[in-house]
Amino acid sequence: MHRSRQCLAAAAASRAWLEVQIRGGATRRIDVDLFASKCPMACENFAKLCSGDNVLPFTAAKDTIQETTFKDQFRPQLSYVRSTFHRVVPGFVVQGGDIVKGNGEGNMSVFGEEFDAPAERGAVPLDAAGLIATAVSAPTQNGSQFFITLSEKGAPHLNGSCICFGRVAKASMDVIKEIERQEVDFEGRPLEDIVIVAAGSK
């Protein structure tokens, strides 16, 4: 089921951040400025996946085993924490945010499943390096997966298909470049884990 709804720009976060650990090393921070006024729905989704606002509380008591809340805690949680950057294409994009399967085959949003925001597609062009956008298999299937552009020309062929909803802060681009330099297999999967260990928004 695809969901489409209007979000109040005033309620949207304007900044978000991810702390990543590359090959088990020290954590590095990626700050993102969100285009909340132009892409409110995509920004709300990303910001809440960073903040963990929709994560379900742990339910341990066995008396509640038949309750929906008990079963739901074993489903993919709506948070980027412990997810990975699963795809690196030097000179093009780094991609992450699969909170379902971790390999680029899963997608979920804070609105239920995927969501559609037609007014936001093309609102901001993918015309530079450091832009962050929804990674989709179809324009109506926006979810948790995202990519960050590496080329100074951006990814103009994806305009109208993906929602460009933010920009990585200049001070954080060295982290993106380090991710770009990691060794990958023939499918672009990093040979060693690049893990999001903390995240937030404000």
N, C-alpha and C. Protein backbone atom coordinates (compact mmCIF):
# COMPACT_ATOMS: atom_id res chain seq x y z
N MET A 1 0.84 -1.19 0.00
CA MET A 1 0.00 0.00 0.00
C MET A 1 0.88 1.24 0.00
N HIS A 2 0.62 2.15 -0.90
CA HIS A 2 1.36 3.40 -0.96
C HIS A 2 0.54 4.48 -0.28
N ARG A 3 1.21 5.33 0.46
CA ARG A 3 0.50 6.37 1.18
C ARG A 3 0.92 7.74 0.69
N SER A 4 -0.01 8.62 0.58
CA SER A 4 0.27 10.00 0.20
C SER A 4 -0.49 10.89 1.16
N ARG A 5 0.21 11.86 1.77
CA ARG A 5 -0.45 12.74 2.71
C ARG A 5 0.30 14.05 2.76
N GLN A 6 -0.28 15.05 3.35
CA GLN A 6 0.35 16.35 3.47
C GLN A 6 0.95 16.46 4.86
N CYS A 7 2.14 17.05 4.95
CA CYS A 7 2.81 17.25 6.22
C CYS A 7 3.02 18.74 6.43
N LEU A 8 2.95 19.18 7.65
CA LEU A 8 3.16 20.58 7.96
C LEU A 8 4.64 20.87 8.02
N ALA A 9 5.11 21.81 7.18
CA ALA A 9 6.53 22.13 7.15
C ALA A 9 7.02 22.61 8.50
N ALA A 10 6.14 23.26 9.26
CA ALA A 10 6.55 23.80 10.56
C ALA A 10 6.91 22.69 11.53
N ALA A 11 6.35 21.48 11.31
CA ALA A 11 6.60 20.39 12.23
C ALA A 11 7.84 19.58 11.82
N ALA A 12 8.39 19.86 10.65
CA ALA A 12 9.49 19.07 10.14
C ALA A 12 10.83 19.53 10.72
N ALA A 13 11.71 18.56 10.93
CA ALA A 13 13.07 18.89 11.37
C ALA A 13 13.82 19.53 10.22
N SER A 14 14.78 20.39 10.52
CA SER A 14 15.56 21.04 9.48
C SER A 14 16.95 20.43 9.34
N ARG A 15 17.35 19.65 10.33
CA ARG A 15 18.67 19.00 10.29
C ARG A 15 18.59 17.59 10.85
N ALA A 16 19.47 16.75 10.35
CA ALA A 16 19.58 15.39 10.85
C ALA A 16 21.04 14.97 10.81
N TRP A 17 21.36 13.90 11.50
CA TRP A 17 22.75 13.43 11.51
C TRP A 17 22.81 11.91 11.67
N LEU A 18 23.86 11.36 11.11
CA LEU A 18 24.16 9.93 11.22
C LEU A 18 25.59 9.77 11.73
N GLU A 19 25.80 8.89 12.67
CA GLU A 19 27.15 8.53 13.09
C GLU A 19 27.45 7.16 12.54
N VAL A 20 28.52 7.07 11.75
CA VAL A 20 28.85 5.81 11.09
C VAL A 20 30.19 5.27 11.59
N GLN A 21 30.27 3.96 11.55
CA GLN A 21 31.52 3.28 11.91
C GLN A 21 31.97 2.49 10.69
N ILE A 22 33.16 2.80 10.22
CA ILE A 22 33.69 2.18 9.01
C ILE A 22 34.75 1.16 9.39
N ARG A 23 34.51 -0.08 9.02
CA ARG A 23 35.45 -1.18 9.30
C ARG A 23 35.79 -1.28 10.80
N GLY A 24 34.83 -0.98 11.64
CA GLY A 24 35.05 -1.13 13.07
C GLY A 24 35.89 -0.03 13.69
N GLY A 25 36.16 1.04 12.95
CA GLY A 25 36.99 2.13 13.45
C GLY A 25 36.20 3.13 14.27
N ALA A 26 36.79 4.29 14.46
CA ALA A 26 36.14 5.35 15.22
C ALA A 26 34.89 5.85 14.50
N THR A 27 33.90 6.30 15.26
CA THR A 27 32.68 6.79 14.64
C THR A 27 32.93 8.15 13.97
N ARG A 28 32.27 8.34 12.85
CA ARG A 28 32.36 9.60 12.10
C ARG A 28 30.94 10.13 11.90
N ARG A 29 30.79 11.43 11.95
CA ARG A 29 29.46 12.03 11.89
C ARG A 29 29.17 12.65 10.53
N ILE A 30 27.96 12.38 10.03
CA ILE A 30 27.46 12.96 8.79
C ILE A 30 26.29 13.87 9.14
N ASP A 31 26.46 15.18 8.96
CA ASP A 31 25.38 16.14 9.19
C ASP A 31 24.65 16.42 7.89
N VAL A 32 23.34 16.48 7.96
CA VAL A 32 22.51 16.69 6.78
C VAL A 32 21.57 17.87 7.01
N ASP A 33 21.57 18.82 6.08
CA ASP A 33 20.60 19.91 6.08
C ASP A 33 19.41 19.48 5.23
N LEU A 34 18.22 19.51 5.82
CA LEU A 34 17.02 19.03 5.14
C LEU A 34 16.26 20.16 4.44
N PHE A 35 15.72 19.84 3.26
CA PHE A 35 14.92 20.81 2.51
C PHE A 35 13.45 20.67 2.93
N ALA A 36 13.18 20.99 4.19
CA ALA A 36 11.87 20.70 4.78
C ALA A 36 10.73 21.46 4.12
N SER A 37 10.97 22.67 3.65
CA SER A 37 9.89 23.46 3.06
C SER A 37 9.51 22.95 1.67
N LYS A 38 10.47 22.38 0.95
CA LYS A 38 10.20 21.89 -0.40
C LYS A 38 9.80 20.41 -0.44
N CYS A 39 10.31 19.65 0.52
CA CYS A 39 10.06 18.20 0.53
C CYS A 39 9.66 17.75 1.93
N PRO A 40 8.53 18.24 2.44
CA PRO A 40 8.17 17.96 3.84
C PRO A 40 7.96 16.49 4.17
N MET A 41 7.37 15.74 3.27
CA MET A 41 7.07 14.34 3.57
C MET A 41 8.34 13.50 3.60
N ALA A 42 9.21 13.68 2.60
CA ALA A 42 10.47 12.94 2.56
C ALA A 42 11.35 13.33 3.74
N CYS A 43 11.33 14.61 4.10
CA CYS A 43 12.15 15.06 5.23
C CYS A 43 11.63 14.50 6.55
N GLU A 44 10.31 14.47 6.71
CA GLU A 44 9.74 13.91 7.94
C GLU A 44 10.11 12.44 8.07
N ASN A 45 10.02 11.71 6.97
CA ASN A 45 10.36 10.29 6.99
C ASN A 45 11.81 10.09 7.41
N PHE A 46 12.74 10.81 6.77
CA PHE A 46 14.15 10.66 7.08
C PHE A 46 14.46 11.09 8.51
N ALA A 47 13.89 12.24 8.92
CA ALA A 47 14.17 12.76 10.26
C ALA A 47 13.69 11.80 11.34
N LYS A 48 12.52 11.21 11.15
CA LYS A 48 12.00 10.29 12.17
C LYS A 48 12.73 8.95 12.17
N LEU A 49 13.25 8.54 11.03
CA LEU A 49 14.08 7.34 11.00
C LEU A 49 15.42 7.60 11.69
N CYS A 50 15.86 8.86 11.65
CA CYS A 50 17.09 9.23 12.37
C CYS A 50 16.83 9.33 13.88
N SER A 51 15.73 9.94 14.25
CA SER A 51 15.45 10.18 15.68
C SER A 51 14.91 8.95 16.38
N GLY A 52 14.33 8.01 15.61
CA GLY A 52 13.75 6.82 16.23
C GLY A 52 12.41 7.09 16.89
N ASP A 53 11.73 8.16 16.49
CA ASP A 53 10.44 8.51 17.10
C ASP A 53 9.40 7.40 17.01
N ASN A 54 9.48 6.57 15.97
CA ASN A 54 8.47 5.55 15.76
C ASN A 54 8.93 4.15 16.15
N VAL A 55 10.04 4.04 16.86
CA VAL A 55 10.51 2.73 17.32
C VAL A 55 9.58 2.23 18.42
N LEU A 56 9.19 0.96 18.34
CA LEU A 56 8.29 0.38 19.33
C LEU A 56 9.05 0.01 20.60
N PRO A 57 8.47 0.25 21.76
CA PRO A 57 9.14 -0.11 23.02
C PRO A 57 9.23 -1.62 23.18
N PHE A 58 10.25 -2.06 23.87
CA PHE A 58 10.43 -3.49 24.11
C PHE A 58 9.39 -3.99 25.10
N THR A 59 8.76 -5.12 24.80
CA THR A 59 7.76 -5.72 25.67
C THR A 59 8.26 -7.10 26.09
N ALA A 60 8.63 -7.26 27.34
CA ALA A 60 9.26 -8.50 27.79
C ALA A 60 8.32 -9.46 28.48
N ALA A 61 7.26 -8.95 29.11
CA ALA A 61 6.40 -9.81 29.91
C ALA A 61 5.72 -10.87 29.06
N LYS A 62 5.83 -12.14 29.45
CA LYS A 62 5.25 -13.21 28.65
C LYS A 62 3.73 -13.20 28.67
N ASP A 63 3.13 -12.47 29.62
CA ASP A 63 1.68 -12.35 29.67
C ASP A 63 1.14 -11.58 28.46
N THR A 64 2.01 -10.82 27.78
CA THR A 64 1.57 -10.00 26.65
C THR A 64 1.89 -10.64 25.30
N ILE A 65 2.26 -11.91 25.30
CA ILE A 65 2.75 -12.54 24.07
C ILE A 65 1.72 -12.54 22.94
N GLN A 66 0.44 -12.52 23.30
CA GLN A 66 -0.60 -12.52 22.27
C GLN A 66 -0.96 -11.11 21.80
N GLU A 67 -0.41 -10.09 22.43
CA GLU A 67 -0.74 -8.73 22.06
C GLU A 67 0.05 -8.29 20.83
N THR A 68 -0.55 -7.40 20.04
CA THR A 68 0.09 -6.91 18.82
C THR A 68 1.43 -6.26 19.12
N THR A 69 1.52 -5.51 20.21
CA THR A 69 2.76 -4.81 20.52
C THR A 69 3.91 -5.77 20.76
N PHE A 70 3.61 -6.95 21.32
CA PHE A 70 4.66 -7.93 21.56
C PHE A 70 5.20 -8.46 20.23
N LYS A 71 4.30 -8.77 19.32
CA LYS A 71 4.71 -9.31 18.02
C LYS A 71 5.41 -8.26 17.17
N ASP A 72 4.96 -7.01 17.27
CA ASP A 72 5.52 -5.95 16.44
C ASP A 72 6.99 -5.68 16.74
N GLN A 73 7.44 -5.95 17.96
CA GLN A 73 8.82 -5.63 18.30
C GLN A 73 9.82 -6.51 17.57
N PHE A 74 9.35 -7.60 16.96
CA PHE A 74 10.24 -8.47 16.19
C PHE A 74 10.25 -8.13 14.70
N ARG A 75 9.46 -7.13 14.33
CA ARG A 75 9.48 -6.65 12.96
C ARG A 75 10.59 -5.61 12.81
N PRO A 76 10.95 -5.27 11.56
CA PRO A 76 11.99 -4.23 11.37
C PRO A 76 11.60 -2.95 12.09
N GLN A 77 12.53 -2.40 12.87
CA GLN A 77 12.24 -1.19 13.61
C GLN A 77 12.50 0.05 12.76
N LEU A 78 11.72 1.08 13.00
CA LEU A 78 11.79 2.29 12.18
C LEU A 78 12.90 3.21 12.68
N SER A 79 14.12 2.74 12.48
CA SER A 79 15.31 3.49 12.90
C SER A 79 16.48 3.10 12.01
N TYR A 80 17.32 4.09 11.72
CA TYR A 80 18.53 3.80 10.94
C TYR A 80 19.63 3.16 11.78
N VAL A 81 19.52 3.22 13.09
CA VAL A 81 20.56 2.66 13.95
C VAL A 81 20.70 1.16 13.70
N ARG A 82 21.92 0.73 13.49
CA ARG A 82 22.33 -0.65 13.18
C ARG A 82 22.12 -1.03 11.71
N SER A 83 21.60 -0.10 10.88
CA SER A 83 21.56 -0.36 9.44
C SER A 83 22.91 0.01 8.83
N THR A 84 23.09 -0.26 7.55
CA THR A 84 24.39 -0.09 6.92
C THR A 84 24.31 0.69 5.61
N PHE A 85 25.48 1.11 5.15
CA PHE A 85 25.65 1.54 3.76
C PHE A 85 25.97 0.26 3.00
N HIS A 86 25.04 -0.18 2.17
CA HIS A 86 25.16 -1.48 1.53
C HIS A 86 25.64 -1.41 0.08
N ARG A 87 25.78 -0.20 -0.47
CA ARG A 87 26.17 -0.07 -1.88
C ARG A 87 27.04 1.16 -2.05
N VAL A 88 28.16 0.98 -2.76
CA VAL A 88 29.07 2.07 -3.05
C VAL A 88 29.44 2.00 -4.53
N VAL A 89 29.15 3.06 -5.26
CA VAL A 89 29.52 3.15 -6.67
C VAL A 89 30.39 4.39 -6.82
N PRO A 90 31.71 4.22 -6.83
CA PRO A 90 32.62 5.39 -6.90
C PRO A 90 32.26 6.32 -8.05
N GLY A 91 32.26 7.61 -7.75
CA GLY A 91 31.94 8.59 -8.77
C GLY A 91 30.46 8.78 -9.02
N PHE A 92 29.62 8.00 -8.35
CA PHE A 92 28.18 8.08 -8.57
C PHE A 92 27.43 8.29 -7.24
N VAL A 93 27.27 7.23 -6.44
CA VAL A 93 26.53 7.35 -5.17
C VAL A 93 27.07 6.38 -4.12
N VAL A 94 26.77 6.70 -2.86
CA VAL A 94 26.81 5.73 -1.77
C VAL A 94 25.37 5.59 -1.31
N GLN A 95 24.98 4.36 -0.97
CA GLN A 95 23.57 4.09 -0.68
C GLN A 95 23.43 3.32 0.62
N GLY A 96 22.40 3.65 1.40
CA GLY A 96 22.14 2.96 2.66
C GLY A 96 20.68 3.06 3.04
N GLY A 97 20.39 2.68 4.29
CA GLY A 97 19.05 2.86 4.82
C GLY A 97 18.08 1.71 4.67
N ASP A 98 18.55 0.54 4.24
CA ASP A 98 17.65 -0.62 4.18
C ASP A 98 17.50 -1.18 5.59
N ILE A 99 16.45 -0.76 6.28
CA ILE A 99 16.23 -1.19 7.66
C ILE A 99 15.50 -2.53 7.73
N VAL A 100 15.11 -3.09 6.58
CA VAL A 100 14.36 -4.34 6.54
C VAL A 100 15.27 -5.54 6.32
N LYS A 101 16.04 -5.51 5.24
CA LYS A 101 16.89 -6.65 4.89
C LYS A 101 18.38 -6.34 4.93
N GLY A 102 18.73 -5.06 4.84
CA GLY A 102 20.12 -4.66 4.92
C GLY A 102 20.92 -4.85 3.65
N ASN A 103 20.28 -5.27 2.57
CA ASN A 103 21.02 -5.55 1.34
C ASN A 103 20.50 -4.79 0.12
N GLY A 104 19.59 -3.84 0.36
CA GLY A 104 19.04 -3.07 -0.74
C GLY A 104 17.74 -3.62 -1.30
N GLU A 105 17.26 -4.74 -0.76
CA GLU A 105 16.03 -5.34 -1.25
C GLU A 105 14.81 -5.00 -0.40
N GLY A 106 15.03 -4.34 0.74
CA GLY A 106 13.92 -4.00 1.62
C GLY A 106 13.71 -2.51 1.71
N ASN A 107 12.49 -2.11 2.03
CA ASN A 107 12.18 -0.68 2.13
C ASN A 107 10.96 -0.52 3.02
N MET A 108 10.95 0.52 3.85
CA MET A 108 9.84 0.79 4.75
C MET A 108 9.92 2.25 5.15
N SER A 109 8.77 2.85 5.40
CA SER A 109 8.75 4.26 5.81
C SER A 109 8.02 4.41 7.13
N VAL A 110 8.08 5.60 7.70
CA VAL A 110 7.37 5.86 8.95
C VAL A 110 5.87 6.01 8.71
N PHE A 111 5.46 6.02 7.45
CA PHE A 111 4.05 6.18 7.11
C PHE A 111 3.35 4.84 6.88
N GLY A 112 4.05 3.74 7.10
CA GLY A 112 3.45 2.42 6.92
C GLY A 112 4.35 1.54 6.08
N GLU A 113 4.24 1.63 4.78
CA GLU A 113 5.15 0.92 3.89
C GLU A 113 5.86 1.99 3.06
N GLU A 114 5.85 1.89 1.74
CA GLU A 114 6.39 2.98 0.93
C GLU A 114 5.39 4.14 0.90
N PHE A 115 5.86 5.30 0.49
CA PHE A 115 4.95 6.43 0.36
C PHE A 115 5.18 7.13 -0.97
N ASP A 116 4.17 7.87 -1.41
CA ASP A 116 4.25 8.61 -2.65
C ASP A 116 4.09 10.09 -2.32
N ALA A 117 4.95 10.92 -2.89
CA ALA A 117 4.87 12.37 -2.70
C ALA A 117 5.16 13.03 -4.04
N PRO A 118 4.21 12.98 -4.97
CA PRO A 118 4.46 13.45 -6.35
C PRO A 118 4.89 14.91 -6.43
N ALA A 119 4.41 15.75 -5.53
CA ALA A 119 4.77 17.17 -5.58
C ALA A 119 6.23 17.39 -5.21
N GLU A 120 6.84 16.41 -4.55
CA GLU A 120 8.23 16.56 -4.11
C GLU A 120 9.25 16.04 -5.11
N ARG A 121 8.77 15.18 -6.03
CA ARG A 121 9.67 14.69 -7.07
C ARG A 121 10.01 15.85 -8.00
N GLY A 122 11.29 16.14 -8.14
CA GLY A 122 11.71 17.23 -9.01
C GLY A 122 11.68 18.59 -8.35
N ALA A 123 11.25 18.67 -7.08
CA ALA A 123 11.21 19.96 -6.39
C ALA A 123 12.61 20.53 -6.22
N VAL A 124 13.59 19.64 -6.03
CA VAL A 124 14.99 20.04 -5.92
C VAL A 124 15.78 19.16 -6.89
N PRO A 125 16.52 19.74 -7.83
CA PRO A 125 17.25 18.93 -8.81
C PRO A 125 18.48 18.25 -8.21
N LEU A 126 18.79 17.08 -8.72
CA LEU A 126 20.00 16.35 -8.33
C LEU A 126 21.14 16.83 -9.22
N ASP A 127 21.73 17.95 -8.87
CA ASP A 127 22.68 18.60 -9.77
C ASP A 127 24.03 18.90 -9.14
N ALA A 128 24.37 18.22 -8.03
CA ALA A 128 25.64 18.49 -7.36
C ALA A 128 26.03 17.30 -6.50
N ALA A 129 27.25 17.31 -6.01
CA ALA A 129 27.70 16.29 -5.09
C ALA A 129 27.17 16.58 -3.69
N GLY A 130 26.96 15.52 -2.91
CA GLY A 130 26.54 15.69 -1.53
C GLY A 130 25.05 15.81 -1.32
N LEU A 131 24.26 15.65 -2.37
CA LEU A 131 22.81 15.68 -2.23
C LEU A 131 22.30 14.31 -1.79
N ILE A 132 21.28 14.32 -0.93
CA ILE A 132 20.73 13.06 -0.43
C ILE A 132 19.30 12.93 -0.93
N ALA A 133 18.96 11.72 -1.40
CA ALA A 133 17.66 11.52 -2.03
C ALA A 133 17.14 10.12 -1.73
N THR A 134 15.85 9.95 -1.95
CA THR A 134 15.24 8.63 -1.76
C THR A 134 15.75 7.68 -2.84
N ALA A 135 16.09 6.46 -2.45
CA ALA A 135 16.51 5.42 -3.39
C ALA A 135 15.30 4.53 -3.64
N VAL A 136 14.82 4.50 -4.86
CA VAL A 136 13.56 3.83 -5.17
C VAL A 136 13.69 2.89 -6.36
N SER A 137 12.78 1.91 -6.41
CA SER A 137 12.67 1.07 -7.60
C SER A 137 11.57 1.58 -8.52
N ALA A 138 10.71 2.45 -7.98
CA ALA A 138 9.67 3.13 -8.75
C ALA A 138 9.38 4.46 -8.06
N PRO A 139 8.98 5.49 -8.80
CA PRO A 139 8.79 6.82 -8.20
C PRO A 139 7.79 6.87 -7.05
N THR A 140 6.86 5.92 -7.00
CA THR A 140 5.84 5.92 -5.94
C THR A 140 6.28 5.14 -4.70
N GLN A 141 7.48 4.56 -4.73
CA GLN A 141 7.89 3.64 -3.66
C GLN A 141 9.03 4.21 -2.82
N ASN A 142 8.82 5.39 -2.28
CA ASN A 142 9.81 5.99 -1.39
C ASN A 142 9.72 5.35 -0.01
N GLY A 143 10.88 5.18 0.62
CA GLY A 143 10.89 4.56 1.94
C GLY A 143 12.13 4.96 2.71
N SER A 144 12.74 3.98 3.36
CA SER A 144 13.90 4.27 4.21
C SER A 144 15.21 4.39 3.44
N GLN A 145 15.30 3.75 2.28
CA GLN A 145 16.57 3.76 1.55
C GLN A 145 16.87 5.14 0.95
N PHE A 146 18.13 5.50 1.00
CA PHE A 146 18.57 6.79 0.49
C PHE A 146 19.92 6.63 -0.20
N PHE A 147 20.26 7.62 -1.02
CA PHE A 147 21.61 7.66 -1.60
C PHE A 147 22.15 9.06 -1.50
N ILE A 148 23.47 9.18 -1.56
CA ILE A 148 24.16 10.47 -1.53
C ILE A 148 25.01 10.57 -2.78
N THR A 149 24.86 11.65 -3.53
CA THR A 149 25.57 11.80 -4.79
C THR A 149 27.05 12.11 -4.56
N LEU A 150 27.89 11.60 -5.47
CA LEU A 150 29.34 11.79 -5.39
C LEU A 150 29.87 12.68 -6.50
N SER A 151 29.19 12.69 -7.63
CA SER A 151 29.64 13.48 -8.78
C SER A 151 29.27 14.94 -8.62
N GLU A 152 30.14 15.82 -9.08
CA GLU A 152 29.83 17.26 -9.06
C GLU A 152 28.64 17.57 -9.96
N LYS A 153 28.34 16.68 -10.88
CA LYS A 153 27.17 16.87 -11.75
C LYS A 153 25.90 16.29 -11.14
N GLY A 154 26.04 15.61 -10.00
CA GLY A 154 24.90 15.00 -9.35
C GLY A 154 24.44 13.74 -10.07
N ALA A 155 23.13 13.59 -10.20
CA ALA A 155 22.55 12.44 -10.91
C ALA A 155 21.30 12.93 -11.63
N PRO A 156 21.47 13.79 -12.64
CA PRO A 156 20.32 14.43 -13.30
C PRO A 156 19.35 13.45 -13.94
N HIS A 157 19.82 12.25 -14.33
CA HIS A 157 18.92 11.28 -14.95
C HIS A 157 17.89 10.74 -13.97
N LEU A 158 18.08 11.01 -12.65
CA LEU A 158 17.13 10.55 -11.64
C LEU A 158 16.13 11.63 -11.23
N ASN A 159 16.28 12.83 -11.79
CA ASN A 159 15.30 13.88 -11.52
C ASN A 159 13.90 13.43 -11.96
N GLY A 160 12.93 13.62 -11.08
CA GLY A 160 11.57 13.21 -11.40
C GLY A 160 11.25 11.81 -10.95
N SER A 161 12.27 11.02 -10.60
CA SER A 161 12.06 9.66 -10.10
C SER A 161 12.29 9.58 -8.59
N CYS A 162 13.35 10.24 -8.14
CA CYS A 162 13.71 10.24 -6.72
C CYS A 162 13.45 11.62 -6.14
N ILE A 163 13.30 11.67 -4.82
CA ILE A 163 13.09 12.95 -4.13
C ILE A 163 14.40 13.39 -3.50
N CYS A 164 14.93 14.51 -3.96
CA CYS A 164 16.13 15.09 -3.37
C CYS A 164 15.68 15.94 -2.18
N PHE A 165 15.96 15.47 -0.97
CA PHE A 165 15.39 16.12 0.21
C PHE A 165 16.41 16.75 1.16
N GLY A 166 17.69 16.72 0.80
CA GLY A 166 18.67 17.32 1.69
C GLY A 166 20.06 17.38 1.08
N ARG A 167 20.97 17.98 1.84
CA ARG A 167 22.35 18.11 1.41
C ARG A 167 23.28 17.81 2.58
N VAL A 168 24.30 17.03 2.33
CA VAL A 168 25.30 16.75 3.36
C VAL A 168 26.13 18.01 3.60
N ALA A 169 26.34 18.34 4.86
CA ALA A 169 27.13 19.52 5.21
C ALA A 169 28.56 19.37 4.67
N LYS A 170 29.15 20.49 4.22
CA LYS A 170 30.49 20.44 3.64
C LYS A 170 31.50 19.78 4.58
N ALA A 171 31.38 20.05 5.86
CA ALA A 171 32.32 19.50 6.84
C ALA A 171 32.22 17.98 6.96
N SER A 172 31.11 17.41 6.46
CA SER A 172 30.91 15.97 6.55
C SER A 172 31.26 15.23 5.26
N MET A 173 31.59 15.96 4.21
CA MET A 173 31.86 15.30 2.93
C MET A 173 33.10 14.42 2.96
N ASP A 174 34.03 14.70 3.89
CA ASP A 174 35.19 13.82 3.99
C ASP A 174 34.79 12.42 4.44
N VAL A 175 33.70 12.32 5.23
CA VAL A 175 33.20 11.01 5.65
C VAL A 175 32.61 10.27 4.45
N ILE A 176 31.86 11.00 3.63
CA ILE A 176 31.29 10.40 2.42
C ILE A 176 32.39 9.93 1.48
N LYS A 177 33.45 10.72 1.36
CA LYS A 177 34.57 10.34 0.50
C LYS A 177 35.28 9.09 1.04
N GLU A 178 35.36 8.98 2.37
CA GLU A 178 35.97 7.79 2.95
C GLU A 178 35.13 6.55 2.65
N ILE A 179 33.80 6.70 2.73
CA ILE A 179 32.92 5.58 2.37
C ILE A 179 33.12 5.21 0.91
N GLU A 180 33.26 6.22 0.05
CA GLU A 180 33.47 5.98 -1.39
C GLU A 180 34.74 5.18 -1.64
N ARG A 181 35.76 5.35 -0.80
CA ARG A 181 37.05 4.68 -1.02
C ARG A 181 37.08 3.22 -0.55
N GLN A 182 36.03 2.76 0.10
CA GLN A 182 36.04 1.39 0.63
C GLN A 182 36.00 0.35 -0.49
N GLU A 183 36.66 -0.76 -0.24
CA GLU A 183 36.65 -1.86 -1.21
C GLU A 183 35.27 -2.49 -1.29
N VAL A 184 34.85 -2.84 -2.50
CA VAL A 184 33.53 -3.43 -2.72
C VAL A 184 33.65 -4.67 -3.59
N ASP A 185 32.59 -5.49 -3.58
CA ASP A 185 32.58 -6.65 -4.46
C ASP A 185 32.03 -6.24 -5.83
N PHE A 186 31.79 -7.21 -6.70
CA PHE A 186 31.38 -6.90 -8.07
C PHE A 186 29.98 -6.29 -8.14
N GLU A 187 29.20 -6.39 -7.04
CA GLU A 187 27.87 -5.79 -7.01
C GLU A 187 27.87 -4.44 -6.29
N GLY A 188 29.05 -3.98 -5.87
CA GLY A 188 29.12 -2.70 -5.18
C GLY A 188 28.90 -2.78 -3.69
N ARG A 189 28.85 -3.98 -3.13
CA ARG A 189 28.67 -4.14 -1.69
C ARG A 189 30.01 -4.03 -0.98
N PRO A 190 30.11 -3.19 0.04
CA PRO A 190 31.37 -3.06 0.78
C PRO A 190 31.83 -4.40 1.36
N LEU A 191 33.12 -4.67 1.28
CA LEU A 191 33.66 -5.93 1.80
C LEU A 191 33.65 -5.94 3.32
N GLU A 192 33.69 -4.76 3.93
CA GLU A 192 33.58 -4.66 5.38
C GLU A 192 32.45 -3.71 5.74
N ASP A 193 31.87 -3.93 6.91
CA ASP A 193 30.66 -3.20 7.28
C ASP A 193 30.88 -1.70 7.46
N ILE A 194 29.91 -0.95 6.98
CA ILE A 194 29.82 0.50 7.23
C ILE A 194 28.49 0.70 7.93
N VAL A 195 28.52 0.83 9.25
CA VAL A 195 27.33 0.75 10.09
C VAL A 195 26.94 2.10 10.66
N ILE A 196 25.65 2.40 10.64
CA ILE A 196 25.13 3.57 11.33
C ILE A 196 24.92 3.18 12.79
N VAL A 197 25.68 3.75 13.68
CA VAL A 197 25.62 3.35 15.09
C VAL A 197 24.80 4.32 15.95
N ALA A 198 24.51 5.51 15.43
CA ALA A 198 23.66 6.47 16.13
C ALA A 198 23.12 7.46 15.10
N ALA A 199 22.03 8.10 15.45
CA ALA A 199 21.41 9.07 14.53
C ALA A 199 20.46 9.96 15.31
N GLY A 200 20.11 11.08 14.71
CA GLY A 200 19.19 12.00 15.36
C GLY A 200 18.74 13.09 14.42
N SER A 201 17.82 13.92 14.87
CA SER A 201 17.33 15.05 14.07
C SER A 201 16.84 16.14 15.00
N LYS A 202 16.76 17.36 14.44
CA LYS A 202 16.27 18.48 15.25
C LYS A 202 15.69 19.56 14.33
